[in-house]
N, C-alpha and C. Protein backbone atom coordinates (compact mmCIF):
# COMPACT_ATOMS: atom_id res chain seq x y z
N UNK A 1 -1.79 3.36 -10.19
CA UNK A 1 -0.62 3.12 -9.38
C UNK A 1 -1.01 2.10 -8.32
N UNK A 2 -0.10 1.19 -8.06
CA UNK A 2 -0.30 0.13 -7.08
C UNK A 2 0.60 0.42 -5.87
N UNK A 3 0.04 0.32 -4.67
CA UNK A 3 0.81 0.54 -3.45
C UNK A 3 0.63 -0.67 -2.55
N UNK A 4 1.73 -1.32 -2.21
CA UNK A 4 1.71 -2.37 -1.21
C UNK A 4 2.15 -1.74 0.10
N UNK A 5 1.30 -1.81 1.12
CA UNK A 5 1.65 -1.28 2.44
C UNK A 5 2.01 -2.48 3.31
N UNK A 6 3.26 -2.54 3.74
CA UNK A 6 3.73 -3.64 4.58
C UNK A 6 3.84 -3.13 6.01
N UNK A 7 3.22 -3.86 6.93
CA UNK A 7 3.24 -3.51 8.34
C UNK A 7 4.04 -4.53 9.13
N UNK A 8 4.89 -4.04 10.00
CA UNK A 8 5.62 -4.89 10.94
C UNK A 8 5.31 -4.35 12.33
N UNK A 9 4.76 -5.19 13.20
CA UNK A 9 4.41 -4.75 14.54
C UNK A 9 3.18 -3.87 14.57
N UNK A 10 2.20 -4.17 13.76
CA UNK A 10 0.98 -3.38 13.69
C UNK A 10 0.25 -3.43 15.03
N UNK A 11 0.03 -2.28 15.68
CA UNK A 11 -0.56 -2.27 17.02
C UNK A 11 -2.09 -2.41 17.04
N UNK A 12 -2.73 -2.36 15.87
CA UNK A 12 -4.18 -2.54 15.79
C UNK A 12 -4.47 -3.62 14.76
N UNK A 13 -5.70 -4.06 14.70
CA UNK A 13 -6.09 -5.09 13.75
C UNK A 13 -5.99 -4.57 12.32
N UNK A 14 -5.49 -5.38 11.43
CA UNK A 14 -5.33 -4.99 10.03
C UNK A 14 -6.67 -4.58 9.42
N UNK A 15 -7.75 -5.22 9.85
CA UNK A 15 -9.07 -4.88 9.33
C UNK A 15 -9.45 -3.43 9.62
N UNK A 16 -9.02 -2.90 10.76
CA UNK A 16 -9.30 -1.50 11.09
C UNK A 16 -8.61 -0.57 10.10
N UNK A 17 -7.39 -0.91 9.73
CA UNK A 17 -6.66 -0.10 8.76
C UNK A 17 -7.35 -0.20 7.40
N UNK A 18 -7.72 -1.40 7.03
CA UNK A 18 -8.38 -1.62 5.75
C UNK A 18 -9.67 -0.82 5.65
N UNK A 19 -10.48 -0.84 6.71
CA UNK A 19 -11.73 -0.09 6.71
C UNK A 19 -11.49 1.41 6.55
N UNK A 20 -10.48 1.93 7.23
CA UNK A 20 -10.17 3.36 7.13
C UNK A 20 -9.72 3.73 5.72
N UNK A 21 -8.94 2.86 5.09
CA UNK A 21 -8.46 3.14 3.74
C UNK A 21 -9.57 3.02 2.70
N UNK A 22 -10.49 2.08 2.91
CA UNK A 22 -11.54 1.84 1.91
C UNK A 22 -12.48 3.02 1.73
N UNK A 23 -12.49 3.95 2.68
CA UNK A 23 -13.35 5.12 2.51
C UNK A 23 -12.82 6.05 1.41
N UNK A 24 -11.52 5.90 1.07
CA UNK A 24 -10.93 6.79 0.07
C UNK A 24 -10.18 6.08 -1.05
N UNK A 25 -9.83 4.82 -0.83
CA UNK A 25 -9.00 4.08 -1.79
C UNK A 25 -9.62 2.72 -2.06
N UNK A 26 -9.16 2.10 -3.14
CA UNK A 26 -9.59 0.74 -3.45
C UNK A 26 -8.55 -0.24 -2.91
N UNK A 27 -8.94 -0.98 -1.87
CA UNK A 27 -8.06 -2.01 -1.31
C UNK A 27 -8.32 -3.28 -2.12
N UNK A 28 -7.26 -3.78 -2.79
CA UNK A 28 -7.44 -4.90 -3.71
C UNK A 28 -6.92 -6.22 -3.17
N UNK A 29 -6.25 -6.18 -2.01
CA UNK A 29 -5.74 -7.43 -1.46
C UNK A 29 -5.18 -7.22 -0.07
N UNK A 30 -4.96 -8.34 0.62
CA UNK A 30 -4.41 -8.30 1.96
C UNK A 30 -3.83 -9.65 2.29
N UNK A 31 -2.93 -9.67 3.25
CA UNK A 31 -2.35 -10.92 3.68
C UNK A 31 -1.57 -10.73 4.95
N UNK A 32 -1.22 -11.85 5.57
CA UNK A 32 -0.42 -11.79 6.79
C UNK A 32 0.35 -13.08 6.97
N UNK A 33 1.40 -12.99 7.76
CA UNK A 33 2.23 -14.14 8.07
C UNK A 33 3.62 -13.72 8.46
N UNK A 34 4.29 -14.54 9.25
CA UNK A 34 5.68 -14.31 9.65
C UNK A 34 5.86 -12.95 10.34
N UNK A 35 4.87 -12.55 11.17
CA UNK A 35 4.98 -11.32 11.92
C UNK A 35 4.75 -10.05 11.12
N UNK A 36 4.29 -10.20 9.90
CA UNK A 36 4.03 -9.06 9.03
C UNK A 36 2.63 -9.19 8.45
N UNK A 37 2.12 -8.08 7.97
CA UNK A 37 0.89 -8.12 7.20
C UNK A 37 0.97 -7.03 6.15
N UNK A 38 0.10 -7.13 5.16
CA UNK A 38 0.13 -6.11 4.11
C UNK A 38 -1.27 -5.86 3.57
N UNK A 39 -1.39 -4.68 2.99
CA UNK A 39 -2.60 -4.31 2.27
C UNK A 39 -2.17 -3.82 0.89
N UNK A 40 -2.90 -4.20 -0.12
CA UNK A 40 -2.65 -3.75 -1.48
C UNK A 40 -3.69 -2.70 -1.83
N UNK A 41 -3.22 -1.54 -2.28
CA UNK A 41 -4.11 -0.43 -2.59
C UNK A 41 -3.87 0.00 -4.03
N UNK A 42 -4.96 0.20 -4.75
CA UNK A 42 -4.89 0.69 -6.13
C UNK A 42 -5.32 2.15 -6.13
N UNK A 43 -4.49 3.01 -6.69
CA UNK A 43 -4.83 4.42 -6.82
C UNK A 43 -5.21 4.65 -8.28
N UNK A 44 -6.35 5.24 -8.48
CA UNK A 44 -6.92 5.41 -9.81
C UNK A 44 -5.94 6.10 -10.74
N UNK A 45 -5.74 5.49 -11.90
CA UNK A 45 -4.86 6.07 -12.92
C UNK A 45 -5.40 7.44 -13.33
N UNK A 46 -4.49 8.39 -13.47
CA UNK A 46 -4.87 9.73 -13.86
C UNK A 46 -5.10 10.66 -12.68
N UNK A 47 -5.12 10.10 -11.46
CA UNK A 47 -5.29 10.97 -10.30
C UNK A 47 -3.94 11.60 -9.92
N UNK A 48 -3.97 12.60 -9.09
CA UNK A 48 -2.75 13.25 -8.61
C UNK A 48 -2.07 12.30 -7.65
N UNK A 49 -1.05 11.60 -8.13
CA UNK A 49 -0.43 10.55 -7.33
C UNK A 49 0.27 11.09 -6.08
N UNK A 50 0.89 12.26 -6.18
CA UNK A 50 1.55 12.83 -5.01
C UNK A 50 0.51 13.14 -3.93
N UNK A 51 -0.62 13.70 -4.31
CA UNK A 51 -1.67 14.00 -3.35
C UNK A 51 -2.27 12.73 -2.77
N UNK A 52 -2.43 11.71 -3.61
CA UNK A 52 -3.00 10.44 -3.14
C UNK A 52 -2.06 9.78 -2.13
N UNK A 53 -0.76 9.79 -2.40
CA UNK A 53 0.19 9.20 -1.45
C UNK A 53 0.24 10.00 -0.16
N UNK A 54 0.14 11.31 -0.27
CA UNK A 54 0.11 12.16 0.93
C UNK A 54 -1.13 11.83 1.77
N UNK A 55 -2.27 11.67 1.11
CA UNK A 55 -3.50 11.34 1.83
C UNK A 55 -3.42 9.96 2.46
N UNK A 56 -2.82 9.01 1.74
CA UNK A 56 -2.64 7.66 2.25
C UNK A 56 -1.79 7.69 3.52
N UNK A 57 -0.70 8.43 3.48
CA UNK A 57 0.16 8.56 4.66
C UNK A 57 -0.58 9.24 5.81
N UNK A 58 -1.43 10.21 5.49
CA UNK A 58 -2.20 10.91 6.53
C UNK A 58 -3.17 9.96 7.22
N UNK A 59 -3.83 9.10 6.47
CA UNK A 59 -4.75 8.12 7.06
C UNK A 59 -3.98 7.19 7.99
N UNK A 60 -2.82 6.72 7.54
CA UNK A 60 -2.01 5.84 8.39
C UNK A 60 -1.55 6.56 9.65
N UNK A 61 -1.18 7.81 9.51
CA UNK A 61 -0.75 8.61 10.65
C UNK A 61 -1.90 8.82 11.63
N UNK A 62 -3.09 9.13 11.12
CA UNK A 62 -4.27 9.32 11.97
C UNK A 62 -4.58 8.06 12.78
N UNK A 63 -4.30 6.91 12.21
CA UNK A 63 -4.54 5.64 12.90
C UNK A 63 -3.41 5.29 13.87
N UNK A 64 -2.30 6.03 13.79
CA UNK A 64 -1.15 5.75 14.64
C UNK A 64 -0.31 4.58 14.18
N UNK A 65 -0.37 4.25 12.88
CA UNK A 65 0.36 3.10 12.37
C UNK A 65 1.41 3.46 11.31
N UNK A 66 1.61 4.75 11.07
CA UNK A 66 2.56 5.16 10.03
C UNK A 66 3.98 4.69 10.33
N UNK A 67 4.34 4.64 11.61
CA UNK A 67 5.69 4.25 11.99
C UNK A 67 6.02 2.78 11.74
N UNK A 68 5.01 1.95 11.59
CA UNK A 68 5.27 0.53 11.35
C UNK A 68 4.92 0.13 9.91
N UNK A 69 4.72 1.14 9.05
CA UNK A 69 4.31 0.89 7.66
C UNK A 69 5.40 1.27 6.68
N UNK A 70 5.58 0.43 5.67
CA UNK A 70 6.45 0.72 4.54
C UNK A 70 5.59 0.70 3.29
N UNK A 71 5.70 1.73 2.47
CA UNK A 71 4.92 1.81 1.24
C UNK A 71 5.81 1.44 0.06
N UNK A 72 5.42 0.40 -0.65
CA UNK A 72 6.11 -0.02 -1.87
C UNK A 72 5.23 0.40 -3.04
N UNK A 73 5.68 1.40 -3.78
CA UNK A 73 4.88 2.02 -4.84
C UNK A 73 5.33 1.52 -6.21
N UNK A 74 4.36 1.10 -7.01
CA UNK A 74 4.61 0.65 -8.38
C UNK A 74 3.74 1.47 -9.31
N UNK A 75 4.36 2.24 -10.21
CA UNK A 75 3.56 3.02 -11.18
C UNK A 75 2.72 2.08 -12.05
N UNK A 76 1.59 2.56 -12.53
CA UNK A 76 0.69 1.74 -13.37
C UNK A 76 1.36 1.29 -14.65
N UNK A 77 2.24 2.11 -15.18
CA UNK A 77 2.87 1.78 -16.46
C UNK A 77 4.07 0.85 -16.30
N UNK A 78 4.34 0.41 -15.09
CA UNK A 78 5.50 -0.44 -14.85
C UNK A 78 5.34 -1.79 -15.53
N UNK A 79 6.41 -2.24 -16.15
CA UNK A 79 6.45 -3.59 -16.70
C UNK A 79 7.75 -4.24 -16.27
N UNK A 80 7.76 -5.52 -16.21
CA UNK A 80 8.97 -6.23 -15.80
C UNK A 80 10.06 -6.01 -16.84
N UNK A 81 11.31 -5.88 -16.38
CA UNK A 81 12.39 -5.71 -17.34
C UNK A 81 12.54 -6.93 -18.22
N UNK A 82 12.96 -6.71 -19.44
CA UNK A 82 13.17 -7.80 -20.37
C UNK A 82 14.35 -8.66 -19.92
N UNK A 83 14.25 -9.94 -20.18
CA UNK A 83 15.33 -10.87 -19.85
C UNK A 83 16.33 -10.84 -21.00
N UNK A 84 17.51 -10.28 -20.73
CA UNK A 84 18.53 -10.18 -21.76
C UNK A 84 19.64 -11.20 -21.58
N UNK A 85 19.35 -12.29 -20.86
CA UNK A 85 20.37 -13.29 -20.64
C UNK A 85 20.63 -14.09 -21.92
N UNK A 86 21.81 -14.62 -22.00
CA UNK A 86 22.18 -15.41 -23.19
C UNK A 86 21.85 -16.88 -23.02
N UNK A 87 21.29 -17.23 -21.89
CA UNK A 87 21.10 -18.64 -21.56
C UNK A 87 19.83 -19.14 -21.97
């Protein structure tokens, strides 16, 4: 499962969040710009996804950044929808 964590108004350095997450998760990417930043996290396929997301939220909460974070979750089996246009 892939989780993009988008932060708006992050009160601490993004690297601090990344370091805290790396102790339990695989951070696969990061970026910033236009007043936002994000971290990409991969959750191992086959793990308890509900528990992993709960733990991810707990880490963000412990850091005091849960309120400025949005989690965009994509299941591992996700594929782009087929283009059924006639054009």
